[in-house]
């Protein structure tokens, strides 16, 4: 990543956690684009399959249903 380009961060939490939980965010997988992060989230199975949360470079947080919808839209094209 270049200094002026923040990475997209894909993180996995247990289903019992929420994005507003006081716990620190777990270590992230970093990607250059939302498309790359969505593809990873939908095609890879990390150990102890947890729930994917995606933080965009702009700070937006995409929840699992939103990630799944982006994947479906990508596959439709």
N, C-alpha and C. Protein backbone atom coordinates (compact mmCIF):
# COMPACT_ATOMS: atom_id res chain seq x y z
N UNK A 1 0.83 -1.18 0.00
CA UNK A 1 0.00 0.00 0.00
C UNK A 1 0.88 1.25 0.00
N UNK A 2 0.44 2.25 -0.67
CA UNK A 2 1.15 3.51 -0.64
C UNK A 2 0.67 4.31 0.57
N UNK A 3 1.46 5.28 1.03
CA UNK A 3 1.06 6.04 2.22
C UNK A 3 -0.29 6.74 2.08
N UNK A 4 -0.66 7.13 0.86
CA UNK A 4 -1.93 7.84 0.69
C UNK A 4 -3.09 6.90 0.37
N UNK A 5 -2.86 5.60 0.46
CA UNK A 5 -3.93 4.64 0.16
C UNK A 5 -4.07 3.67 1.33
N UNK A 6 -5.15 3.83 2.07
CA UNK A 6 -5.40 2.93 3.20
C UNK A 6 -5.90 1.59 2.68
N UNK A 7 -5.43 0.50 3.28
CA UNK A 7 -5.90 -0.82 2.84
C UNK A 7 -7.33 -1.10 3.31
N UNK A 8 -7.95 -2.02 2.64
CA UNK A 8 -9.24 -2.57 3.07
C UNK A 8 -8.90 -3.68 4.05
N UNK A 9 -9.57 -3.71 5.18
CA UNK A 9 -9.25 -4.70 6.21
C UNK A 9 -10.40 -5.68 6.38
N UNK A 10 -10.06 -6.96 6.28
CA UNK A 10 -11.03 -8.03 6.49
C UNK A 10 -10.67 -8.71 7.79
N UNK A 11 -11.65 -8.81 8.68
CA UNK A 11 -11.40 -9.41 9.98
C UNK A 11 -12.48 -10.43 10.30
N UNK A 12 -12.12 -11.34 11.16
CA UNK A 12 -13.06 -12.39 11.56
C UNK A 12 -13.25 -12.35 13.07
N UNK A 13 -14.50 -12.36 13.47
CA UNK A 13 -14.87 -12.42 14.88
C UNK A 13 -15.84 -13.57 15.08
N UNK A 14 -15.92 -14.09 16.29
CA UNK A 14 -16.94 -15.09 16.58
C UNK A 14 -18.33 -14.47 16.39
N UNK A 15 -19.32 -15.25 16.04
CA UNK A 15 -20.67 -14.72 15.81
C UNK A 15 -21.25 -13.96 17.00
N UNK A 16 -20.76 -14.22 18.21
CA UNK A 16 -21.30 -13.56 19.40
C UNK A 16 -20.84 -12.11 19.55
N UNK A 17 -19.82 -11.69 18.80
CA UNK A 17 -19.32 -10.32 18.90
C UNK A 17 -20.07 -9.39 17.96
N UNK A 18 -20.04 -8.12 18.28
CA UNK A 18 -20.60 -7.10 17.40
C UNK A 18 -19.51 -6.07 17.10
N UNK A 19 -19.73 -5.27 16.09
CA UNK A 19 -18.73 -4.26 15.73
C UNK A 19 -18.60 -3.19 16.81
N UNK A 20 -19.60 -3.09 17.68
CA UNK A 20 -19.55 -2.09 18.75
C UNK A 20 -19.00 -2.65 20.05
N UNK A 21 -18.57 -3.90 20.04
CA UNK A 21 -18.02 -4.51 21.26
C UNK A 21 -16.79 -3.73 21.70
N UNK A 22 -16.56 -3.68 23.01
CA UNK A 22 -15.40 -2.91 23.50
C UNK A 22 -14.05 -3.59 23.22
N UNK A 23 -14.08 -4.85 22.83
CA UNK A 23 -12.84 -5.57 22.54
C UNK A 23 -12.12 -4.91 21.36
N UNK A 24 -10.79 -4.95 21.35
CA UNK A 24 -10.07 -4.44 20.18
C UNK A 24 -10.34 -5.34 18.97
N UNK A 25 -10.28 -4.74 17.80
CA UNK A 25 -10.48 -5.53 16.58
C UNK A 25 -9.36 -6.54 16.46
N UNK A 26 -9.67 -7.75 15.99
CA UNK A 26 -8.62 -8.75 15.80
C UNK A 26 -7.70 -8.37 14.64
N UNK A 27 -6.58 -9.07 14.54
CA UNK A 27 -5.64 -8.81 13.45
C UNK A 27 -6.35 -8.96 12.11
N UNK A 28 -6.02 -8.09 11.19
CA UNK A 28 -6.73 -8.04 9.91
C UNK A 28 -5.92 -8.63 8.76
N UNK A 29 -6.66 -9.11 7.76
CA UNK A 29 -6.09 -9.41 6.45
C UNK A 29 -6.24 -8.11 5.68
N UNK A 30 -5.18 -7.64 5.02
CA UNK A 30 -5.25 -6.38 4.29
C UNK A 30 -5.31 -6.64 2.79
N UNK A 31 -6.14 -5.85 2.11
CA UNK A 31 -6.33 -5.96 0.66
C UNK A 31 -6.30 -4.57 0.04
N UNK A 32 -5.99 -4.52 -1.23
CA UNK A 32 -5.96 -3.25 -1.95
C UNK A 32 -7.32 -2.76 -2.39
N UNK A 33 -8.28 -3.69 -2.54
CA UNK A 33 -9.62 -3.31 -2.99
C UNK A 33 -10.69 -4.06 -2.20
N UNK A 34 -11.88 -3.49 -2.19
CA UNK A 34 -13.02 -4.15 -1.56
C UNK A 34 -13.32 -5.45 -2.30
N UNK A 35 -13.24 -5.44 -3.63
CA UNK A 35 -13.50 -6.66 -4.42
C UNK A 35 -12.58 -7.81 -4.00
N UNK A 36 -11.31 -7.52 -3.81
CA UNK A 36 -10.37 -8.56 -3.39
C UNK A 36 -10.72 -9.10 -2.01
N UNK A 37 -11.09 -8.22 -1.09
CA UNK A 37 -11.44 -8.65 0.26
C UNK A 37 -12.73 -9.47 0.26
N UNK A 38 -13.71 -9.06 -0.54
CA UNK A 38 -14.97 -9.80 -0.64
C UNK A 38 -14.71 -11.19 -1.22
N UNK A 39 -13.90 -11.27 -2.26
CA UNK A 39 -13.60 -12.58 -2.86
C UNK A 39 -12.92 -13.50 -1.85
N UNK A 40 -11.99 -12.97 -1.07
CA UNK A 40 -11.33 -13.78 -0.05
C UNK A 40 -12.33 -14.25 0.99
N UNK A 41 -13.17 -13.34 1.47
CA UNK A 41 -14.15 -13.68 2.51
C UNK A 41 -15.11 -14.77 2.04
N UNK A 42 -15.44 -14.76 0.76
CA UNK A 42 -16.44 -15.70 0.25
C UNK A 42 -15.84 -17.01 -0.27
N UNK A 43 -14.53 -17.08 -0.42
CA UNK A 43 -13.95 -18.30 -0.99
C UNK A 43 -12.95 -19.00 -0.07
N UNK A 44 -12.55 -18.36 1.01
CA UNK A 44 -11.58 -18.96 1.93
C UNK A 44 -12.27 -19.36 3.23
N UNK A 45 -11.72 -20.33 3.88
CA UNK A 45 -12.28 -20.79 5.16
C UNK A 45 -11.21 -20.73 6.24
N UNK A 46 -11.12 -19.61 6.94
CA UNK A 46 -10.13 -19.55 8.01
C UNK A 46 -10.46 -20.57 9.10
N UNK A 47 -9.47 -20.90 9.89
CA UNK A 47 -9.68 -21.85 10.99
C UNK A 47 -10.81 -21.37 11.88
N UNK A 48 -11.59 -22.31 12.37
CA UNK A 48 -12.72 -21.99 13.26
C UNK A 48 -13.67 -20.97 12.63
N UNK A 49 -14.03 -21.22 11.41
CA UNK A 49 -14.87 -20.31 10.60
C UNK A 49 -15.67 -19.34 11.46
N UNK A 50 -15.29 -18.09 11.42
CA UNK A 50 -15.96 -17.05 12.16
C UNK A 50 -16.63 -16.11 11.19
N UNK A 51 -17.23 -15.06 11.71
CA UNK A 51 -17.98 -14.12 10.90
C UNK A 51 -17.04 -13.05 10.34
N UNK A 52 -17.15 -12.79 9.05
CA UNK A 52 -16.31 -11.79 8.39
C UNK A 52 -16.92 -10.40 8.56
N UNK A 53 -16.05 -9.44 8.84
CA UNK A 53 -16.40 -8.02 8.89
C UNK A 53 -15.35 -7.32 8.04
N UNK A 54 -15.79 -6.34 7.25
CA UNK A 54 -14.86 -5.67 6.35
C UNK A 54 -14.86 -4.18 6.64
N UNK A 55 -13.68 -3.60 6.81
CA UNK A 55 -13.57 -2.15 6.99
C UNK A 55 -12.93 -1.57 5.74
N UNK A 56 -13.64 -0.65 5.10
CA UNK A 56 -13.11 -0.04 3.88
C UNK A 56 -12.09 1.02 4.23
N UNK A 57 -11.37 1.48 3.22
CA UNK A 57 -10.38 2.53 3.41
C UNK A 57 -11.03 3.82 3.93
N UNK A 58 -12.31 4.00 3.63
CA UNK A 58 -13.03 5.20 4.07
C UNK A 58 -13.57 5.05 5.48
N UNK A 59 -13.39 3.87 6.11
CA UNK A 59 -13.87 3.65 7.46
C UNK A 59 -15.23 3.01 7.56
N UNK A 60 -15.87 2.74 6.42
CA UNK A 60 -17.17 2.08 6.43
C UNK A 60 -17.01 0.63 6.87
N UNK A 61 -17.95 0.13 7.64
CA UNK A 61 -17.91 -1.26 8.09
C UNK A 61 -19.00 -2.03 7.38
N UNK A 62 -18.60 -3.07 6.66
CA UNK A 62 -19.55 -3.92 5.96
C UNK A 62 -19.76 -5.20 6.76
N UNK A 63 -21.01 -5.48 7.04
CA UNK A 63 -21.38 -6.66 7.81
C UNK A 63 -21.49 -7.87 6.88
N UNK A 64 -21.57 -9.06 7.46
CA UNK A 64 -21.60 -10.27 6.63
C UNK A 64 -22.65 -10.27 5.51
N UNK A 65 -23.85 -9.81 5.78
CA UNK A 65 -24.89 -9.79 4.74
C UNK A 65 -24.50 -8.85 3.59
N UNK A 66 -23.85 -7.74 3.91
CA UNK A 66 -23.42 -6.80 2.88
C UNK A 66 -22.28 -7.40 2.05
N UNK A 67 -21.38 -8.11 2.71
CA UNK A 67 -20.29 -8.77 1.98
C UNK A 67 -20.86 -9.82 1.03
N UNK A 68 -21.81 -10.59 1.52
CA UNK A 68 -22.45 -11.63 0.69
C UNK A 68 -23.14 -11.01 -0.51
N UNK A 69 -23.82 -9.87 -0.32
CA UNK A 69 -24.53 -9.20 -1.43
C UNK A 69 -23.53 -8.69 -2.47
N UNK A 70 -22.41 -8.12 -2.03
CA UNK A 70 -21.40 -7.67 -2.99
C UNK A 70 -20.86 -8.85 -3.81
N UNK A 71 -20.70 -10.00 -3.17
CA UNK A 71 -20.25 -11.20 -3.86
C UNK A 71 -21.27 -11.63 -4.91
N UNK A 72 -22.54 -11.62 -4.53
CA UNK A 72 -23.60 -11.99 -5.48
C UNK A 72 -23.65 -11.02 -6.66
N UNK A 73 -23.51 -9.75 -6.40
CA UNK A 73 -23.51 -8.76 -7.48
C UNK A 73 -22.32 -8.98 -8.41
N UNK A 74 -21.18 -9.29 -7.84
CA UNK A 74 -19.97 -9.55 -8.64
C UNK A 74 -20.18 -10.75 -9.54
N UNK A 75 -20.78 -11.79 -9.01
CA UNK A 75 -20.98 -13.02 -9.77
C UNK A 75 -22.04 -12.86 -10.86
N UNK A 76 -22.97 -11.91 -10.65
CA UNK A 76 -24.02 -11.67 -11.64
C UNK A 76 -23.49 -10.98 -12.89
N UNK A 77 -22.32 -10.38 -12.79
CA UNK A 77 -21.78 -9.63 -13.95
C UNK A 77 -20.80 -10.43 -14.72
